[in-house]
């Protein structure tokens, strides 16, 4: 009979420990492939010289995939400035992401903002 009273108490204690986050052992979050991919791409993009000369600024949003060779395939691109989107397409064609693990047929979204300071 005492065992029957202990089981609900242990069950409630187990639920409390699980919900409180006590068993969490992670010291810092691990960056996923998407974060590494976006950081690598953004660090490779340069402000287009023609856009600087013409004082062009704007935002380019795109959706892309990465093929087996690490090349980016742009699926969709939106921009308020055609010159910036065209220059970004040319730059992305030269980037190789072969060292970064990506999922096959995974679509990635990226926003690049070009602004003059």
N, C-alpha and C. Protein backbone atom coordinates (compact mmCIF):
# COMPACT_ATOMS: atom_id res chain seq x y z
N UNK A 1 0.81 -1.18 0.00
CA UNK A 1 0.00 0.00 0.00
C UNK A 1 0.86 1.27 0.00
N UNK A 2 2.00 1.24 0.76
CA UNK A 2 2.89 2.39 0.78
C UNK A 2 3.52 2.60 -0.60
N UNK A 3 3.77 1.50 -1.31
CA UNK A 3 4.34 1.60 -2.65
C UNK A 3 3.41 2.35 -3.59
N UNK A 4 2.12 2.14 -3.43
CA UNK A 4 1.13 2.83 -4.27
C UNK A 4 1.16 4.33 -4.04
N UNK A 5 1.52 4.80 -2.83
CA UNK A 5 1.58 6.22 -2.53
C UNK A 5 2.89 6.84 -3.03
N UNK A 6 3.95 6.06 -3.10
CA UNK A 6 5.26 6.54 -3.52
C UNK A 6 5.32 6.74 -5.04
N UNK A 7 4.67 5.89 -5.80
CA UNK A 7 4.72 5.96 -7.27
C UNK A 7 4.20 7.29 -7.79
N UNK A 8 3.05 7.80 -7.37
CA UNK A 8 2.62 9.12 -7.87
C UNK A 8 3.58 10.23 -7.47
N UNK A 9 4.15 10.15 -6.27
CA UNK A 9 5.10 11.18 -5.83
C UNK A 9 6.35 11.17 -6.71
N UNK A 10 6.87 9.97 -7.02
CA UNK A 10 8.05 9.87 -7.89
C UNK A 10 7.73 10.36 -9.30
N UNK A 11 6.55 10.03 -9.78
CA UNK A 11 6.13 10.46 -11.11
C UNK A 11 6.06 11.99 -11.18
N UNK A 12 5.47 12.64 -10.18
CA UNK A 12 5.40 14.10 -10.14
C UNK A 12 6.79 14.73 -10.04
N UNK A 13 7.68 14.11 -9.26
CA UNK A 13 9.04 14.63 -9.14
C UNK A 13 9.77 14.52 -10.48
N UNK A 14 9.58 13.43 -11.19
CA UNK A 14 10.22 13.25 -12.49
C UNK A 14 9.71 14.28 -13.50
N UNK A 15 8.43 14.54 -13.51
CA UNK A 15 7.86 15.56 -14.40
C UNK A 15 8.43 16.93 -14.06
N UNK A 16 8.53 17.25 -12.78
CA UNK A 16 9.07 18.54 -12.36
C UNK A 16 10.51 18.72 -12.83
N UNK A 17 11.33 17.70 -12.66
CA UNK A 17 12.74 17.78 -13.07
C UNK A 17 12.85 17.95 -14.58
N UNK A 18 12.04 17.22 -15.34
CA UNK A 18 12.09 17.32 -16.80
C UNK A 18 11.64 18.69 -17.29
N UNK A 19 10.61 19.25 -16.68
CA UNK A 19 10.10 20.54 -17.12
C UNK A 19 10.95 21.70 -16.65
N UNK A 20 11.69 21.53 -15.57
CA UNK A 20 12.51 22.63 -15.04
C UNK A 20 13.79 22.82 -15.83
N UNK A 21 14.16 21.87 -16.66
CA UNK A 21 15.38 22.01 -17.46
C UNK A 21 16.62 21.59 -16.73
N UNK A 22 16.50 21.00 -15.59
CA UNK A 22 17.66 20.59 -14.79
C UNK A 22 18.57 19.62 -15.53
N UNK A 23 18.06 18.69 -16.35
CA UNK A 23 18.98 17.75 -16.99
C UNK A 23 19.69 18.29 -18.22
N UNK A 24 19.63 19.59 -18.45
CA UNK A 24 20.27 20.17 -19.62
C UNK A 24 21.77 20.27 -19.39
N UNK A 25 22.57 19.66 -20.27
CA UNK A 25 24.02 19.65 -20.12
C UNK A 25 24.73 20.48 -21.18
N UNK A 26 23.99 21.11 -22.09
CA UNK A 26 24.62 21.88 -23.16
C UNK A 26 25.17 23.18 -22.60
N UNK A 27 26.43 23.46 -22.88
CA UNK A 27 27.03 24.68 -22.36
C UNK A 27 26.84 25.85 -23.32
N UNK A 28 26.81 25.58 -24.61
CA UNK A 28 26.57 26.63 -25.59
C UNK A 28 25.91 26.02 -26.82
N UNK A 29 25.10 26.84 -27.51
CA UNK A 29 24.40 26.28 -28.67
C UNK A 29 25.37 25.93 -29.79
N UNK A 30 25.03 24.91 -30.54
CA UNK A 30 25.85 24.48 -31.67
C UNK A 30 25.28 25.11 -32.93
N UNK A 31 26.13 25.74 -33.73
CA UNK A 31 25.68 26.35 -34.97
C UNK A 31 25.30 25.26 -35.96
N UNK A 32 24.18 25.45 -36.63
CA UNK A 32 23.77 24.44 -37.61
C UNK A 32 24.34 24.79 -38.98
N UNK A 33 24.13 23.91 -39.92
CA UNK A 33 24.70 24.08 -41.26
C UNK A 33 24.20 25.35 -41.92
N UNK A 34 22.94 25.69 -41.70
CA UNK A 34 22.37 26.89 -42.32
C UNK A 34 23.09 28.15 -41.83
N UNK A 35 23.38 28.22 -40.53
CA UNK A 35 24.09 29.38 -39.98
C UNK A 35 25.49 29.48 -40.57
N UNK A 36 26.21 28.35 -40.61
CA UNK A 36 27.57 28.35 -41.17
C UNK A 36 27.56 28.74 -42.64
N UNK A 37 26.58 28.24 -43.38
CA UNK A 37 26.47 28.55 -44.80
C UNK A 37 26.21 30.03 -45.02
N UNK A 38 25.28 30.60 -44.25
CA UNK A 38 24.96 32.01 -44.41
C UNK A 38 26.14 32.91 -44.02
N UNK A 39 26.84 32.55 -42.95
CA UNK A 39 28.01 33.34 -42.54
C UNK A 39 29.08 33.31 -43.62
N UNK A 40 29.33 32.13 -44.18
CA UNK A 40 30.35 32.01 -45.22
C UNK A 40 29.98 32.82 -46.45
N UNK A 41 28.72 32.75 -46.86
CA UNK A 41 28.28 33.48 -48.05
C UNK A 41 28.36 34.98 -47.80
N UNK A 42 27.84 35.44 -46.67
CA UNK A 42 27.85 36.88 -46.39
C UNK A 42 29.27 37.44 -46.28
N UNK A 43 30.19 36.64 -45.78
CA UNK A 43 31.58 37.12 -45.68
C UNK A 43 32.24 37.18 -47.06
N UNK A 44 31.71 36.46 -48.03
CA UNK A 44 32.28 36.45 -49.38
C UNK A 44 31.72 37.55 -50.29
N UNK A 45 30.64 38.18 -49.89
CA UNK A 45 29.97 39.18 -50.74
C UNK A 45 30.62 40.54 -50.55
N UNK A 46 30.92 41.18 -51.64
CA UNK A 46 31.49 42.53 -51.65
C UNK A 46 30.46 43.51 -52.24
N UNK A 47 30.53 44.74 -51.79
CA UNK A 47 29.65 45.78 -52.34
C UNK A 47 30.07 46.01 -53.78
N UNK A 48 29.14 45.90 -54.74
CA UNK A 48 29.50 46.06 -56.15
C UNK A 48 30.04 47.47 -56.45
N UNK A 49 31.14 47.54 -57.20
CA UNK A 49 31.77 48.83 -57.50
C UNK A 49 30.84 49.76 -58.26
N UNK A 50 30.11 49.23 -59.25
CA UNK A 50 29.17 50.07 -60.00
C UNK A 50 28.09 50.63 -59.09
N UNK A 51 27.64 49.84 -58.13
CA UNK A 51 26.62 50.32 -57.20
C UNK A 51 27.17 51.42 -56.30
N UNK A 52 28.44 51.29 -55.92
CA UNK A 52 29.07 52.36 -55.13
C UNK A 52 29.17 53.65 -55.94
N UNK A 53 29.61 53.53 -57.20
CA UNK A 53 29.75 54.71 -58.05
C UNK A 53 28.42 55.40 -58.28
N UNK A 54 27.34 54.59 -58.41
CA UNK A 54 26.02 55.15 -58.68
C UNK A 54 25.21 55.39 -57.41
N UNK A 55 25.83 55.20 -56.25
CA UNK A 55 25.19 55.38 -54.95
C UNK A 55 23.91 54.55 -54.83
N UNK A 56 23.99 53.29 -55.26
CA UNK A 56 22.84 52.38 -55.18
C UNK A 56 22.85 51.67 -53.82
N UNK A 57 21.68 51.58 -53.23
CA UNK A 57 21.51 50.84 -51.99
C UNK A 57 20.22 50.07 -52.08
N UNK A 58 20.12 49.01 -51.28
CA UNK A 58 18.89 48.23 -51.30
C UNK A 58 19.08 46.86 -50.67
N UNK A 59 18.02 46.09 -50.72
CA UNK A 59 18.00 44.76 -50.13
C UNK A 59 17.72 43.73 -51.21
N UNK A 60 18.41 42.61 -51.12
CA UNK A 60 18.18 41.49 -52.05
C UNK A 60 17.83 40.26 -51.20
N UNK A 61 16.67 39.68 -51.46
CA UNK A 61 16.24 38.44 -50.81
C UNK A 61 16.31 37.32 -51.82
N UNK A 62 16.82 36.17 -51.40
CA UNK A 62 16.89 35.07 -52.34
C UNK A 62 16.68 33.74 -51.64
N UNK A 63 16.26 32.77 -52.43
CA UNK A 63 16.12 31.38 -52.00
C UNK A 63 17.00 30.56 -52.91
N UNK A 64 17.81 29.67 -52.32
CA UNK A 64 18.76 28.91 -53.12
C UNK A 64 18.91 27.50 -52.57
N UNK A 65 19.51 26.65 -53.38
CA UNK A 65 19.91 25.31 -52.97
C UNK A 65 21.40 25.18 -53.24
N UNK A 66 22.00 24.14 -52.68
CA UNK A 66 23.43 23.87 -52.91
C UNK A 66 23.52 22.51 -53.56
N UNK A 67 24.18 22.44 -54.73
CA UNK A 67 24.30 21.14 -55.43
C UNK A 67 25.45 20.32 -54.85
N UNK A 68 25.65 19.13 -55.40
CA UNK A 68 26.67 18.21 -54.88
C UNK A 68 28.08 18.77 -54.96
N UNK A 69 28.31 19.67 -55.92
CA UNK A 69 29.63 20.27 -56.11
C UNK A 69 29.86 21.49 -55.24
N UNK A 70 28.85 21.87 -54.42
CA UNK A 70 28.98 23.03 -53.56
C UNK A 70 28.59 24.34 -54.21
N UNK A 71 28.08 24.29 -55.44
CA UNK A 71 27.67 25.50 -56.14
C UNK A 71 26.25 25.89 -55.72
N UNK A 72 26.01 27.20 -55.66
CA UNK A 72 24.69 27.71 -55.29
C UNK A 72 23.79 27.79 -56.51
N UNK A 73 22.57 27.30 -56.39
CA UNK A 73 21.58 27.41 -57.45
C UNK A 73 20.47 28.33 -56.94
N UNK A 74 20.37 29.51 -57.52
CA UNK A 74 19.37 30.47 -57.09
C UNK A 74 18.01 30.05 -57.64
N UNK A 75 17.06 29.82 -56.74
CA UNK A 75 15.71 29.42 -57.12
C UNK A 75 14.83 30.65 -57.35
N UNK A 76 14.89 31.61 -56.43
CA UNK A 76 14.10 32.84 -56.54
C UNK A 76 14.93 33.99 -56.00
N UNK A 77 14.68 35.18 -56.57
CA UNK A 77 15.39 36.37 -56.10
C UNK A 77 14.45 37.57 -56.20
N UNK A 78 14.44 38.37 -55.14
CA UNK A 78 13.62 39.58 -55.11
C UNK A 78 14.51 40.73 -54.69
N UNK A 79 14.31 41.88 -55.33
CA UNK A 79 15.10 43.05 -54.97
C UNK A 79 14.38 44.32 -55.39
N UNK A 80 14.69 45.39 -54.69
CA UNK A 80 14.17 46.69 -55.08
C UNK A 80 15.16 47.40 -56.01
N UNK A 81 16.27 46.73 -56.33
CA UNK A 81 17.27 47.31 -57.21
C UNK A 81 17.84 46.20 -58.10
N UNK A 82 17.54 46.26 -59.38
CA UNK A 82 17.97 45.23 -60.32
C UNK A 82 19.49 45.15 -60.43
N UNK A 83 20.16 46.29 -60.39
CA UNK A 83 21.62 46.28 -60.50
C UNK A 83 22.26 45.49 -59.36
N UNK A 84 21.74 45.68 -58.14
CA UNK A 84 22.29 44.95 -56.99
C UNK A 84 22.01 43.45 -57.10
N UNK A 85 20.80 43.09 -57.53
CA UNK A 85 20.48 41.67 -57.65
C UNK A 85 21.32 41.00 -58.73
N UNK A 86 21.56 41.69 -59.84
CA UNK A 86 22.40 41.13 -60.91
C UNK A 86 23.84 40.94 -60.43
N UNK A 87 24.37 41.93 -59.72
CA UNK A 87 25.75 41.82 -59.20
C UNK A 87 25.85 40.71 -58.17
N UNK A 88 24.82 40.56 -57.34
CA UNK A 88 24.83 39.50 -56.34
C UNK A 88 24.79 38.13 -57.00
N UNK A 89 24.01 37.98 -58.07
CA UNK A 89 23.96 36.71 -58.80
C UNK A 89 25.35 36.34 -59.32
N UNK A 90 26.06 37.33 -59.88
CA UNK A 90 27.41 37.07 -60.40
C UNK A 90 28.36 36.64 -59.28
N UNK A 91 28.27 37.30 -58.13
CA UNK A 91 29.15 36.94 -57.02
C UNK A 91 28.83 35.55 -56.48
N UNK A 92 27.56 35.23 -56.37
CA UNK A 92 27.17 33.92 -55.83
C UNK A 92 27.57 32.78 -56.76
N UNK A 93 27.68 33.07 -58.05
CA UNK A 93 28.10 32.05 -59.01
C UNK A 93 29.55 31.62 -58.79
N UNK A 94 30.33 32.47 -58.13
CA UNK A 94 31.75 32.16 -57.91
C UNK A 94 32.01 31.50 -56.56
N UNK A 95 31.00 31.42 -55.70
CA UNK A 95 31.18 30.88 -54.35
C UNK A 95 31.01 29.37 -54.37
N UNK A 96 31.92 28.67 -53.69
CA UNK A 96 31.82 27.22 -53.56
C UNK A 96 31.69 26.87 -52.08
N UNK A 97 30.66 26.11 -51.76
CA UNK A 97 30.36 25.73 -50.37
C UNK A 97 30.63 24.25 -50.13
N UNK A 98 31.60 23.72 -50.81
CA UNK A 98 31.84 22.27 -50.75
C UNK A 98 32.22 21.79 -49.35
N UNK A 99 32.88 22.58 -48.54
CA UNK A 99 33.30 22.15 -47.22
C UNK A 99 32.20 22.19 -46.16
N UNK A 100 31.05 22.76 -46.48
CA UNK A 100 29.97 22.88 -45.52
C UNK A 100 28.93 21.81 -45.79
N UNK A 101 28.55 21.07 -44.78
CA UNK A 101 27.54 20.02 -44.95
C UNK A 101 26.17 20.66 -45.15
N UNK A 102 25.51 20.24 -46.20
CA UNK A 102 24.16 20.71 -46.48
C UNK A 102 23.29 19.51 -46.80
N UNK A 103 22.01 19.68 -46.60
CA UNK A 103 21.07 18.62 -46.91
C UNK A 103 20.71 18.66 -48.39
N UNK A 104 20.56 17.52 -49.04
CA UNK A 104 20.18 17.52 -50.45
C UNK A 104 18.77 18.07 -50.62
N UNK A 105 18.59 18.87 -51.65
CA UNK A 105 17.31 19.49 -51.99
C UNK A 105 16.78 20.41 -50.90
N UNK A 106 17.64 20.89 -50.02
CA UNK A 106 17.24 21.82 -48.97
C UNK A 106 17.26 23.24 -49.53
N UNK A 107 16.19 23.98 -49.31
CA UNK A 107 16.11 25.37 -49.73
C UNK A 107 16.57 26.27 -48.58
N UNK A 108 17.42 27.22 -48.89
CA UNK A 108 17.92 28.17 -47.91
C UNK A 108 17.50 29.57 -48.33
N UNK A 109 17.18 30.41 -47.35
CA UNK A 109 16.80 31.79 -47.62
C UNK A 109 17.90 32.70 -47.09
N UNK A 110 18.14 33.79 -47.81
CA UNK A 110 19.19 34.73 -47.44
C UNK A 110 18.75 36.13 -47.79
N UNK A 111 19.01 37.07 -46.91
CA UNK A 111 18.75 38.48 -47.17
C UNK A 111 20.08 39.22 -47.10
N UNK A 112 20.39 39.96 -48.14
CA UNK A 112 21.61 40.76 -48.19
C UNK A 112 21.21 42.21 -48.33
N UNK A 113 21.71 43.04 -47.43
CA UNK A 113 21.39 44.47 -47.46
C UNK A 113 22.64 45.24 -47.84
N UNK A 114 22.52 46.02 -48.88
CA UNK A 114 23.60 46.90 -49.32
C UNK A 114 23.19 48.31 -48.94
N UNK A 115 23.96 48.93 -48.04
CA UNK A 115 23.64 50.31 -47.70
C UNK A 115 24.91 51.14 -47.60
N UNK A 116 24.78 52.37 -48.04
CA UNK A 116 25.91 53.28 -48.02
C UNK A 116 25.98 53.96 -46.66
N UNK A 117 27.20 54.10 -46.18
CA UNK A 117 27.38 54.73 -44.85
C UNK A 117 27.76 56.16 -45.03
